[in-house]
Every structure is written in structure tokens, then in C-alpha cells.
Amino acid sequence: MCMPLIVAHRGASAVAPENTMNAFALAWEQGADMIEGDFRRTADDRVVCHHDATLRRTGGSDVAVSELSLADLRTFDVGAWKDERFRGERVPTLDEVLDGIPSGKGLLIELKDDARVVDPLVRALEASRVDPARLVVMSFDADLVEAVRCRKPQVVAYWITVFERSDGDCWRPAADEVVATARRVGAAGVDFEANLDAIDGAMVDAMRRAGLSLHVWTVDDVGIARRFAGLGFDSITTNRPGELRAALRSAP
């Protein structure tokens, strides 16, 4: 069994508040190969790391991130909701997350916005010192993936997908649909929901024949992680990077 890359989902988010510098720092301490963060645009065109459209869950306010300037956004505490010891955490910018990436590590940039995020995203990437080969832009929105690739063709991009049962009890999208979408938008890989009923050796073979890399989210169960590693997935995203890495390394 080849060891897949371990990606920390919103940082080491089982312990630290998601999408914060504290969560990312802990992920590096736990040996993550890459971190994954969710990114949105502010009212003044800064790209910031926050999953939800509003601050209700992490910052205690119904205000939308897109309606705030970066300065106003920084007035909200996004750490105390997780634990009092994280009080004082602020929403980081993409620039800050990039600056915190250690040598040899990488970042998955999941876009939670519309096409208006593309220009400020590209500006941030072009200003970064990080090797572009260690950065990936991805989204559930295939058209947004395509827009990023059109704006900056050098960007490595993944399409993220989930599975649903269709008529006839088949899982969709089928392998040929996944390949067709990835090719249409210029994605180098696909990040799959961790659904072992929908993903089998035939799906993996189809992705490999198409030249696509294979990734899966979000897996905290060791047994499930071992099954995806056995299928040859290139990376596994988890809330518990340290625990999962140790467990996979100890696997026979």
C-alpha cells in the first residue's frame, strides 16, 4: 500500500478552530503534507479563509463575509466558539496562509465564492513565494474551476464532487461523467466524497486512464482511510492528520 498525502481539513480542525492560523500551525506540527482551507472574497476584494457565507457559526453574527471589508472582518473573534483557549483568533487572509506554508508542504484552496473571486485570487497567487506546484485550486463549481484555469492556465486545479443515487439505484456522476467534466474544465484531478459504495476499482481505473489524480474527503476513520489508500488514492483529507498518518504508517 502506497502512503497517500495527508491533507488537514481546514487545518487540524478536530482540535483547533477551523480555517485559522492556529489550526494550520497545528496541522504542520502533526505532520500534514498539505492543508485545505476554504476561501471567499471580502467587500474590498481581499481573499480570506472562511467556510460559511456568514459569520453566524464561527463569529456569532449573521453578517456575510462578502459584505465586510477586511478591517471590519478582523473585528470578529472566530476562535472562542471552539474553545475559550482559542479566543482572539481572526479570519486569516490567503496571503497569510500562503506565508505560513513550510518548505516542501502545500495548500488546497477550496473556493466557496463566485467568479468575482478569481481576479483577487490570481493576484494573491502571483505575489506568493510558494512553489505553484504545491498549490491547488478547487471547487464544487466546475465553471469556477474553468474560470480560474482560463485566467491562469498554470494553476493546478481539481474538481470536487459528491455522489447521488439516480433512477435505477445507480450512483451519479458515473466515471465517464466525472472524466468528461474534469476534461472540460481543465482539472488535473478529482476530489471525491468518501463514498465507498460509489467508488470502486473500475472508477479508479477510469480516472487513471484519463490521467487524473485521485483525492478523497473527509476521512477520520482509519479503516476507511486504509481502503482508499489500498485503492491508490493520491491524498486523503482528514480533520485528524496526526492520528491518521500514524495509523496508516502502522498498517501491515
C-alpha atoms as a PDB file:
ATOM      1  CA  MET A   1       0.000   0.000   0.000  1.00  0.00           C
ATOM      2  CA  CYS A   2       1.417   3.364  -1.037  1.00  0.00           C
ATOM      3  CA  MET A   3       1.184   6.139   1.524  1.00  0.00           C
ATOM      4  CA  PRO A   4      -1.173   8.869   0.285  1.00  0.00           C
ATOM      5  CA  LEU A   5      -0.567  12.508   1.089  1.00  0.00           C
ATOM      6  CA  ILE A   6      -2.299  13.567   4.295  1.00  0.00           C
ATOM      7  CA  VAL A   7      -4.313  16.774   3.911  1.00  0.00           C
ATOM      8  CA  ALA A   8      -5.519  18.606   7.023  1.00  0.00           C
ATOM      9  CA  HIS A   9      -9.175  19.578   6.537  1.00  0.00           C
ATOM     10  CA  ARG A  10      -9.456  23.271   7.430  1.00  0.00           C
ATOM     11  CA  GLY A  11      -6.265  22.611   9.400  1.00  0.00           C
ATOM     12  CA  ALA A  12      -6.201  20.251  12.379  1.00  0.00           C
ATOM     13  CA  SER A  13      -9.847  21.130  12.849  1.00  0.00           C
ATOM     14  CA  ALA A  14     -10.739  18.320  15.240  1.00  0.00           C
ATOM     15  CA  VAL A  15      -8.752  20.223  17.871  1.00  0.00           C
ATOM     16  CA  ALA A  16      -8.347  23.849  16.758  1.00  0.00           C
ATOM     17  CA  PRO A  17     -10.902  26.263  15.251  1.00  0.00           C
ATOM     18  CA  GLU A  18     -11.223  25.544  11.545  1.00  0.00           C
ATOM     19  CA  ASN A  19      -9.617  27.747   8.899  1.00  0.00           C
ATOM     20  CA  THR A  20      -7.436  29.651  11.382  1.00  0.00           C
ATOM     21  CA  MET A  21      -3.691  30.084  11.580  1.00  0.00           C
ATOM     22  CA  ASN A  22      -3.736  28.111  14.813  1.00  0.00           C
ATOM     23  CA  ALA A  23      -5.397  25.157  13.078  1.00  0.00           C
ATOM     24  CA  PHE A  24      -2.917  25.303  10.219  1.00  0.00           C
ATOM     25  CA  ALA A  25       0.104  25.546  12.531  1.00  0.00           C
ATOM     26  CA  LEU A  26      -1.124  22.510  14.458  1.00  0.00           C
ATOM     27  CA  ALA A  27      -1.578  20.603  11.209  1.00  0.00           C
ATOM     28  CA  TRP A  28       2.067  21.210  10.319  1.00  0.00           C
ATOM     29  CA  GLU A  29       3.093  20.068  13.808  1.00  0.00           C
ATOM     30  CA  GLN A  30       1.112  16.867  13.280  1.00  0.00           C
ATOM     31  CA  GLY A  31       2.936  16.111  10.037  1.00  0.00           C
ATOM     32  CA  ALA A  32       0.327  17.026   7.435  1.00  0.00           C
ATOM     33  CA  ASP A  33       1.669  17.122   3.882  1.00  0.00           C
ATOM     34  CA  MET A  34      -0.872  19.758   2.866  1.00  0.00           C
ATOM     35  CA  ILE A  35      -3.577  21.854   4.437  1.00  0.00           C
ATOM     36  CA  GLU A  36      -7.006  22.543   2.962  1.00  0.00           C
ATOM     37  CA  GLY A  37      -8.779  25.840   3.511  1.00  0.00           C
ATOM     38  CA  ASP A  38     -11.990  27.478   2.310  1.00  0.00           C
ATOM     39  CA  PHE A  39     -11.724  30.897   0.695  1.00  0.00           C
ATOM     40  CA  ARG A  40     -14.059  33.805  -0.013  1.00  0.00           C
ATOM     41  CA  ARG A  41     -13.854  37.399  -1.204  1.00  0.00           C
ATOM     42  CA  THR A  42     -14.452  40.383   1.090  1.00  0.00           C
ATOM     43  CA  ALA A  43     -16.199  43.614   0.112  1.00  0.00           C
ATOM     44  CA  ASP A  44     -12.806  45.195  -0.594  1.00  0.00           C
ATOM     45  CA  ASP A  45     -11.587  42.319  -2.783  1.00  0.00           C
ATOM     46  CA  ARG A  46      -9.367  40.502  -0.309  1.00  0.00           C
ATOM     47  CA  VAL A  47      -9.377  36.704  -0.331  1.00  0.00           C
ATOM     48  CA  VAL A  48      -9.916  35.332   3.175  1.00  0.00           C
ATOM     49  CA  CYS A  49     -10.162  31.900   4.751  1.00  0.00           C
ATOM     50  CA  HIS A  50     -13.684  31.157   5.948  1.00  0.00           C
ATOM     51  CA  HIS A  51     -16.053  28.330   5.116  1.00  0.00           C
ATOM     52  CA  ASP A  52     -19.545  29.727   5.628  1.00  0.00           C
ATOM     53  CA  ALA A  53     -21.108  32.627   3.768  1.00  0.00           C
ATOM     54  CA  THR A  54     -21.853  34.340   7.094  1.00  0.00           C
ATOM     55  CA  LEU A  55     -20.122  34.575  10.470  1.00  0.00           C
ATOM     56  CA  ARG A  56     -23.021  33.048  12.389  1.00  0.00           C
ATOM     57  CA  ARG A  57     -21.391  29.709  13.266  1.00  0.00           C
ATOM     58  CA  THR A  58     -17.835  30.858  13.967  1.00  0.00           C
ATOM     59  CA  GLY A  59     -18.196  34.555  14.777  1.00  0.00           C
ATOM     60  CA  GLY A  60     -21.669  34.908  16.268  1.00  0.00           C
ATOM     61  CA  SER A  61     -23.072  37.263  13.624  1.00  0.00           C
ATOM     62  CA  ASP A  62     -25.394  36.872  10.637  1.00  0.00           C
ATOM     63  CA  VAL A  63     -23.344  39.330   8.582  1.00  0.00           C
ATOM     64  CA  ALA A  64     -21.959  37.968   5.311  1.00  0.00           C
ATOM     65  CA  VAL A  65     -18.217  37.872   4.718  1.00  0.00           C
ATOM     66  CA  SER A  66     -18.802  39.441   1.293  1.00  0.00           C
ATOM     67  CA  GLU A  67     -20.408  42.494   2.922  1.00  0.00           C
ATOM     68  CA  LEU A  68     -17.433  43.285   5.157  1.00  0.00           C
ATOM     69  CA  SER A  69     -14.126  44.954   4.467  1.00  0.00           C
ATOM     70  CA  LEU A  70     -11.088  43.059   5.691  1.00  0.00           C
ATOM     71  CA  ALA A  71     -10.671  45.553   8.530  1.00  0.00           C
ATOM     72  CA  ASP A  72     -14.256  45.038   9.670  1.00  0.00           C
ATOM     73  CA  LEU A  73     -13.961  41.273   9.329  1.00  0.00           C
ATOM     74  CA  ARG A  74     -10.943  41.343  11.641  1.00  0.00           C
ATOM     75  CA  THR A  75     -13.064  42.684  14.475  1.00  0.00           C
ATOM     76  CA  PHE A  76     -14.779  39.284  14.832  1.00  0.00           C
ATOM     77  CA  ASP A  77     -13.369  36.544  17.034  1.00  0.00           C
ATOM     78  CA  VAL A  78     -13.521  33.181  15.232  1.00  0.00           C
ATOM     79  CA  GLY A  79     -11.750  31.051  17.812  1.00  0.00           C
ATOM     80  CA  ALA A  80     -13.764  31.176  21.034  1.00  0.00           C
ATOM     81  CA  TRP A  81     -16.675  29.175  19.555  1.00  0.00           C
ATOM     82  CA  LYS A  82     -14.368  26.136  19.507  1.00  0.00           C
ATOM     83  CA  ASP A  83     -12.785  26.612  22.921  1.00  0.00           C
ATOM     84  CA  GLU A  84     -12.049  29.543  25.194  1.00  0.00           C
ATOM     85  CA  ARG A  85      -8.303  28.950  24.824  1.00  0.00           C
ATOM     86  CA  PHE A  86      -8.591  29.980  21.172  1.00  0.00           C
ATOM     87  CA  ARG A  87     -10.198  33.333  21.907  1.00  0.00           C
ATOM     88  CA  GLY A  88      -8.644  36.089  19.798  1.00  0.00           C
ATOM     89  CA  GLU A  89      -8.345  34.103  16.544  1.00  0.00           C
ATOM     90  CA  ARG A  90      -9.160  36.188  13.458  1.00  0.00           C
ATOM     91  CA  VAL A  91     -10.081  35.220   9.910  1.00  0.00           C
ATOM     92  CA  PRO A  92      -6.765  34.969   8.021  1.00  0.00           C
ATOM     93  CA  THR A  93      -6.137  36.197   4.508  1.00  0.00           C
ATOM     94  CA  LEU A  94      -4.957  33.916   1.739  1.00  0.00           C
ATOM     95  CA  ASP A  95      -1.673  35.860   1.783  1.00  0.00           C
ATOM     96  CA  GLU A  96      -1.149  34.974   5.449  1.00  0.00           C
ATOM     97  CA  VAL A  97      -1.976  31.317   4.889  1.00  0.00           C
ATOM     98  CA  LEU A  98       0.462  31.174   1.979  1.00  0.00           C
ATOM     99  CA  ASP A  99       3.184  32.850   4.029  1.00  0.00           C
ATOM    100  CA  GLY A 100       2.775  30.209   6.733  1.00  0.00           C
ATOM    101  CA  ILE A 101       3.362  27.188   4.489  1.00  0.00           C
ATOM    102  CA  PRO A 102       6.637  25.436   5.392  1.00  0.00           C
ATOM    103  CA  SER A 103       9.096  24.435   2.711  1.00  0.00           C
ATOM    104  CA  GLY A 104       8.012  21.278   0.926  1.00  0.00           C
ATOM    105  CA  LYS A 105       4.398  21.493   2.089  1.00  0.00           C
ATOM    106  CA  GLY A 106       1.295  22.546   0.163  1.00  0.00           C
ATOM    107  CA  LEU A 107      -2.179  24.070   0.183  1.00  0.00           C
ATOM    108  CA  LEU A 108      -5.541  23.103  -1.287  1.00  0.00           C
ATOM    109  CA  ILE A 109      -7.502  26.299  -1.920  1.00  0.00           C
ATOM    110  CA  GLU A 110     -11.194  25.484  -1.956  1.00  0.00           C
ATOM    111  CA  LEU A 111     -13.204  28.345  -3.420  1.00  0.00           C
ATOM    112  CA  LYS A 112     -16.566  28.956  -1.751  1.00  0.00           C
ATOM    113  CA  ASP A 113     -17.387  32.030  -3.830  1.00  0.00           C
ATOM    114  CA  ASP A 114     -18.461  33.003  -7.325  1.00  0.00           C
ATOM    115  CA  ALA A 115     -16.363  34.152 -10.292  1.00  0.00           C
ATOM    116  CA  ARG A 116     -15.684  37.538  -8.669  1.00  0.00           C
ATOM    117  CA  VAL A 117     -13.069  35.826  -6.505  1.00  0.00           C
ATOM    118  CA  VAL A 118     -10.916  34.885  -9.495  1.00  0.00           C
ATOM    119  CA  ASP A 119      -9.026  38.161 -10.037  1.00  0.00           C
ATOM    120  CA  PRO A 120      -8.074  38.754  -6.371  1.00  0.00           C
ATOM    121  CA  LEU A 121      -7.173  35.067  -6.090  1.00  0.00           C
ATOM    122  CA  VAL A 122      -4.808  35.267  -9.047  1.00  0.00           C
ATOM    123  CA  ARG A 123      -3.193  38.432  -7.632  1.00  0.00           C
ATOM    124  CA  ALA A 124      -2.540  36.661  -4.338  1.00  0.00           C
ATOM    125  CA  LEU A 125      -1.076  33.603  -6.050  1.00  0.00           C
ATOM    126  CA  GLU A 126       1.203  35.697  -8.249  1.00  0.00           C
ATOM    127  CA  ALA A 127       2.502  37.602  -5.211  1.00  0.00           C
ATOM    128  CA  SER A 128       3.245  34.435  -3.249  1.00  0.00           C
ATOM    129  CA  ARG A 129       6.685  32.912  -2.765  1.00  0.00           C
ATOM    130  CA  VAL A 130       5.208  29.385  -2.623  1.00  0.00           C
ATOM    131  CA  ASP A 131       6.106  26.999  -5.445  1.00  0.00           C
ATOM    132  CA  PRO A 132       2.990  26.951  -7.692  1.00  0.00           C
ATOM    133  CA  ALA A 133       3.363  23.172  -7.986  1.00  0.00           C
ATOM    134  CA  ARG A 134       2.453  22.928  -4.287  1.00  0.00           C
ATOM    135  CA  LEU A 135      -0.772  24.883  -4.650  1.00  0.00           C
ATOM    136  CA  VAL A 136      -4.099  23.534  -5.864  1.00  0.00           C
ATOM    137  CA  VAL A 137      -7.287  25.488  -6.553  1.00  0.00           C
ATOM    138  CA  MET A 138     -10.520  23.506  -6.355  1.00  0.00           C
ATOM    139  CA  SER A 139     -14.280  23.895  -6.187  1.00  0.00           C
ATOM    140  CA  PHE A 140     -17.574  22.031  -6.374  1.00  0.00           C
ATOM    141  CA  ASP A 141     -18.458  24.589  -9.051  1.00  0.00           C
ATOM    142  CA  ALA A 142     -16.951  23.201 -12.254  1.00  0.00           C
ATOM    143  CA  ASP A 143     -17.490  26.507 -14.051  1.00  0.00           C
ATOM    144  CA  LEU A 144     -15.464  28.306 -11.384  1.00  0.00           C
ATOM    145  CA  VAL A 145     -12.627  25.811 -11.827  1.00  0.00           C
ATOM    146  CA  GLU A 146     -12.740  26.557 -15.545  1.00  0.00           C
ATOM    147  CA  ALA A 147     -12.737  30.327 -14.907  1.00  0.00           C
ATOM    148  CA  VAL A 148      -9.600  30.073 -12.773  1.00  0.00           C
ATOM    149  CA  ARG A 149      -7.868  27.939 -15.388  1.00  0.00           C
ATOM    150  CA  CYS A 150      -8.811  30.380 -18.163  1.00  0.00           C
ATOM    151  CA  ARG A 151      -7.435  33.292 -16.148  1.00  0.00           C
ATOM    152  CA  LYS A 152      -4.265  31.466 -15.134  1.00  0.00           C
ATOM    153  CA  PRO A 153      -3.676  28.239 -17.098  1.00  0.00           C
ATOM    154  CA  GLN A 154      -0.635  27.292 -14.981  1.00  0.00           C
ATOM    155  CA  VAL A 155      -2.812  26.715 -11.940  1.00  0.00           C
ATOM    156  CA  VAL A 156      -3.241  23.122 -10.819  1.00  0.00           C
ATOM    157  CA  ALA A 157      -6.980  22.592 -10.306  1.00  0.00           C
ATOM    158  CA  TYR A 158      -9.278  19.857  -9.008  1.00  0.00           C
ATOM    159  CA  TRP A 159     -12.997  19.438  -9.365  1.00  0.00           C
ATOM    160  CA  ILE A 160     -14.801  18.383  -6.170  1.00  0.00           C
ATOM    161  CA  THR A 161     -17.773  16.067  -6.462  1.00  0.00           C
ATOM    162  CA  VAL A 162     -20.357  14.241  -4.375  1.00  0.00           C
ATOM    163  CA  PHE A 163     -22.452  11.225  -5.333  1.00  0.00           C
ATOM    164  CA  GLU A 164     -26.219  10.829  -5.512  1.00  0.00           C
ATOM    165  CA  ARG A 165     -28.368   7.837  -6.354  1.00  0.00           C
ATOM    166  CA  SER A 166     -30.175   8.144  -9.665  1.00  0.00           C
ATOM    167  CA  ASP A 167     -33.127   6.195 -11.053  1.00  0.00           C
ATOM    168  CA  GLY A 168     -32.229   2.556 -11.219  1.00  0.00           C
ATOM    169  CA  ASP A 169     -30.210   2.765  -7.999  1.00  0.00           C
ATOM    170  CA  CYS A 170     -27.019   3.825  -9.789  1.00  0.00           C
ATOM    171  CA  TRP A 171     -24.587   6.299  -8.329  1.00  0.00           C
ATOM    172  CA  ARG A 172     -24.050   9.541 -10.214  1.00  0.00           C
ATOM    173  CA  PRO A 173     -21.880  11.012 -11.506  1.00  0.00           C
ATOM    174  CA  ALA A 174     -20.651   7.903 -13.256  1.00  0.00           C
ATOM    175  CA  ALA A 175     -16.991   7.517 -14.140  1.00  0.00           C
ATOM    176  CA  ASP A 176     -17.426   8.783 -17.703  1.00  0.00           C
ATOM    177  CA  GLU A 177     -19.273  11.866 -16.430  1.00  0.00           C
ATOM    178  CA  VAL A 178     -16.517  12.636 -13.939  1.00  0.00           C
ATOM    179  CA  VAL A 179     -13.854  12.337 -16.630  1.00  0.00           C
ATOM    180  CA  ALA A 180     -15.842  14.473 -19.070  1.00  0.00           C
ATOM    181  CA  THR A 181     -16.326  17.275 -16.535  1.00  0.00           C
ATOM    182  CA  ALA A 182     -12.700  17.241 -15.435  1.00  0.00           C
ATOM    183  CA  ARG A 183     -11.503  17.416 -19.021  1.00  0.00           C
ATOM    184  CA  ARG A 184     -13.944  20.189 -19.916  1.00  0.00           C
ATOM    185  CA  VAL A 185     -12.754  22.492 -17.147  1.00  0.00           C
ATOM    186  CA  GLY A 186      -9.064  21.589 -17.292  1.00  0.00           C
ATOM    187  CA  ALA A 187      -8.901  19.872 -13.903  1.00  0.00           C
ATOM    188  CA  ALA A 188      -5.811  17.782 -13.192  1.00  0.00           C
ATOM    189  CA  GLY A 189      -7.592  15.740 -10.531  1.00  0.00           C
ATOM    190  CA  VAL A 190     -10.863  14.994  -8.800  1.00  0.00           C
ATOM    191  CA  ASP A 191     -11.572  15.291  -5.086  1.00  0.00           C
ATOM    192  CA  PHE A 192     -14.258  12.742  -4.229  1.00  0.00           C
ATOM    193  CA  GLU A 193     -16.656  12.480  -1.350  1.00  0.00           C
ATOM    194  CA  ALA A 194     -15.599   9.435   0.708  1.00  0.00           C
ATOM    195  CA  ASN A 195     -18.313   7.107  -0.578  1.00  0.00           C
ATOM    196  CA  LEU A 196     -17.051   3.547  -0.862  1.00  0.00           C
ATOM    197  CA  ASP A 197     -20.378   2.391  -2.299  1.00  0.00           C
ATOM    198  CA  ALA A 198     -19.846   4.649  -5.301  1.00  0.00           C
ATOM    199  CA  ILE A 199     -16.071   4.367  -5.664  1.00  0.00           C
ATOM    200  CA  ASP A 200     -14.551   1.065  -6.710  1.00  0.00           C
ATOM    201  CA  GLY A 201     -11.635  -0.252  -8.718  1.00  0.00           C
ATOM    202  CA  ALA A 202     -13.403   0.427 -12.016  1.00  0.00           C
ATOM    203  CA  MET A 203     -13.899   4.094 -11.081  1.00  0.00           C
ATOM    204  CA  VAL A 204     -10.239   4.363 -10.086  1.00  0.00           C
ATOM    205  CA  ASP A 205      -9.105   2.713 -13.321  1.00  0.00           C
ATOM    206  CA  ALA A 206     -11.190   5.127 -15.386  1.00  0.00           C
ATOM    207  CA  MET A 207      -9.647   8.121 -13.613  1.00  0.00           C
ATOM    208  CA  ARG A 208      -6.141   6.783 -14.096  1.00  0.00           C
ATOM    209  CA  ARG A 209      -6.705   6.091 -17.797  1.00  0.00           C
ATOM    210  CA  ALA A 210      -7.808   9.711 -18.143  1.00  0.00           C
ATOM    211  CA  GLY A 211      -4.621  10.911 -16.443  1.00  0.00           C
ATOM    212  CA  LEU A 212      -6.442  12.321 -13.409  1.00  0.00           C
ATOM    213  CA  SER A 213      -5.132  12.296  -9.860  1.00  0.00           C
ATOM    214  CA  LEU A 214      -7.435  10.939  -7.143  1.00  0.00           C
ATOM    215  CA  HIS A 215      -8.277  12.585  -3.824  1.00  0.00           C
ATOM    216  CA  VAL A 216     -10.889  11.996  -1.128  1.00  0.00           C
ATOM    217  CA  TRP A 217     -12.557  13.951   1.683  1.00  0.00           C
ATOM    218  CA  THR A 218     -13.200  13.931   4.685  1.00  0.00           C
ATOM    219  CA  VAL A 219     -11.938  10.738   6.319  1.00  0.00           C
ATOM    220  CA  ASP A 220     -11.297  10.325  10.047  1.00  0.00           C
ATOM    221  CA  ASP A 221     -11.980   6.583  10.256  1.00  0.00           C
ATOM    222  CA  VAL A 222      -8.776   4.547   9.968  1.00  0.00           C
ATOM    223  CA  GLY A 223     -10.430   1.563   8.291  1.00  0.00           C
ATOM    224  CA  ILE A 224     -11.971   3.734   5.592  1.00  0.00           C
ATOM    225  CA  ALA A 225      -8.674   5.558   5.086  1.00  0.00           C
ATOM    226  CA  ARG A 226      -6.888   2.248   4.590  1.00  0.00           C
ATOM    227  CA  ARG A 227      -9.397   1.225   1.962  1.00  0.00           C
ATOM    228  CA  PHE A 228      -8.856   4.428  -0.010  1.00  0.00           C
ATOM    229  CA  ALA A 229      -5.096   4.052   0.350  1.00  0.00           C
ATOM    230  CA  GLY A 230      -5.454   0.496  -0.962  1.00  0.00           C
ATOM    231  CA  LEU A 231      -7.359   1.830  -3.972  1.00  0.00           C
ATOM    232  CA  GLY A 232      -4.359   4.019  -4.748  1.00  0.00           C
ATOM    233  CA  PHE A 233      -5.740   7.448  -3.878  1.00  0.00           C
ATOM    234  CA  ASP A 234      -3.139  10.205  -4.020  1.00  0.00           C
ATOM    235  CA  SER A 235      -4.376  12.125  -0.977  1.00  0.00           C
ATOM    236  CA  ILE A 236      -6.770  11.763   1.938  1.00  0.00           C
ATOM    237  CA  THR A 237      -8.262  14.816   3.635  1.00  0.00           C
ATOM    238  CA  THR A 238      -8.909  14.478   7.366  1.00  0.00           C
ATOM    239  CA  ASN A 239      -9.718  16.510  10.459  1.00  0.00           C
ATOM    240  CA  ARG A 240      -7.119  14.438  12.365  1.00  0.00           C
ATOM    241  CA  PRO A 241      -3.914  14.481  10.311  1.00  0.00           C
ATOM    242  CA  GLY A 242      -1.562  13.284  13.060  1.00  0.00           C
ATOM    243  CA  GLU A 243      -3.702  10.327  14.074  1.00  0.00           C
ATOM    244  CA  LEU A 244      -4.438   9.247  10.514  1.00  0.00           C
ATOM    245  CA  ARG A 245      -0.812   9.450   9.406  1.00  0.00           C
ATOM    246  CA  ALA A 246       0.325   7.348  12.358  1.00  0.00           C
ATOM    247  CA  ALA A 247      -2.379   4.753  11.752  1.00  0.00           C
ATOM    248  CA  LEU A 248      -1.605   4.404   8.035  1.00  0.00           C
ATOM    249  CA  ARG A 249       2.106   4.115   8.702  1.00  0.00           C
ATOM    250  CA  SER A 250       1.459   1.272  11.134  1.00  0.00           C
ATOM    251  CA  ALA A 251      -0.750  -0.627   8.694  1.00  0.00           C
ATOM    252  CA  PRO A 252       0.651  -4.056   7.645  1.00  0.00           C
END
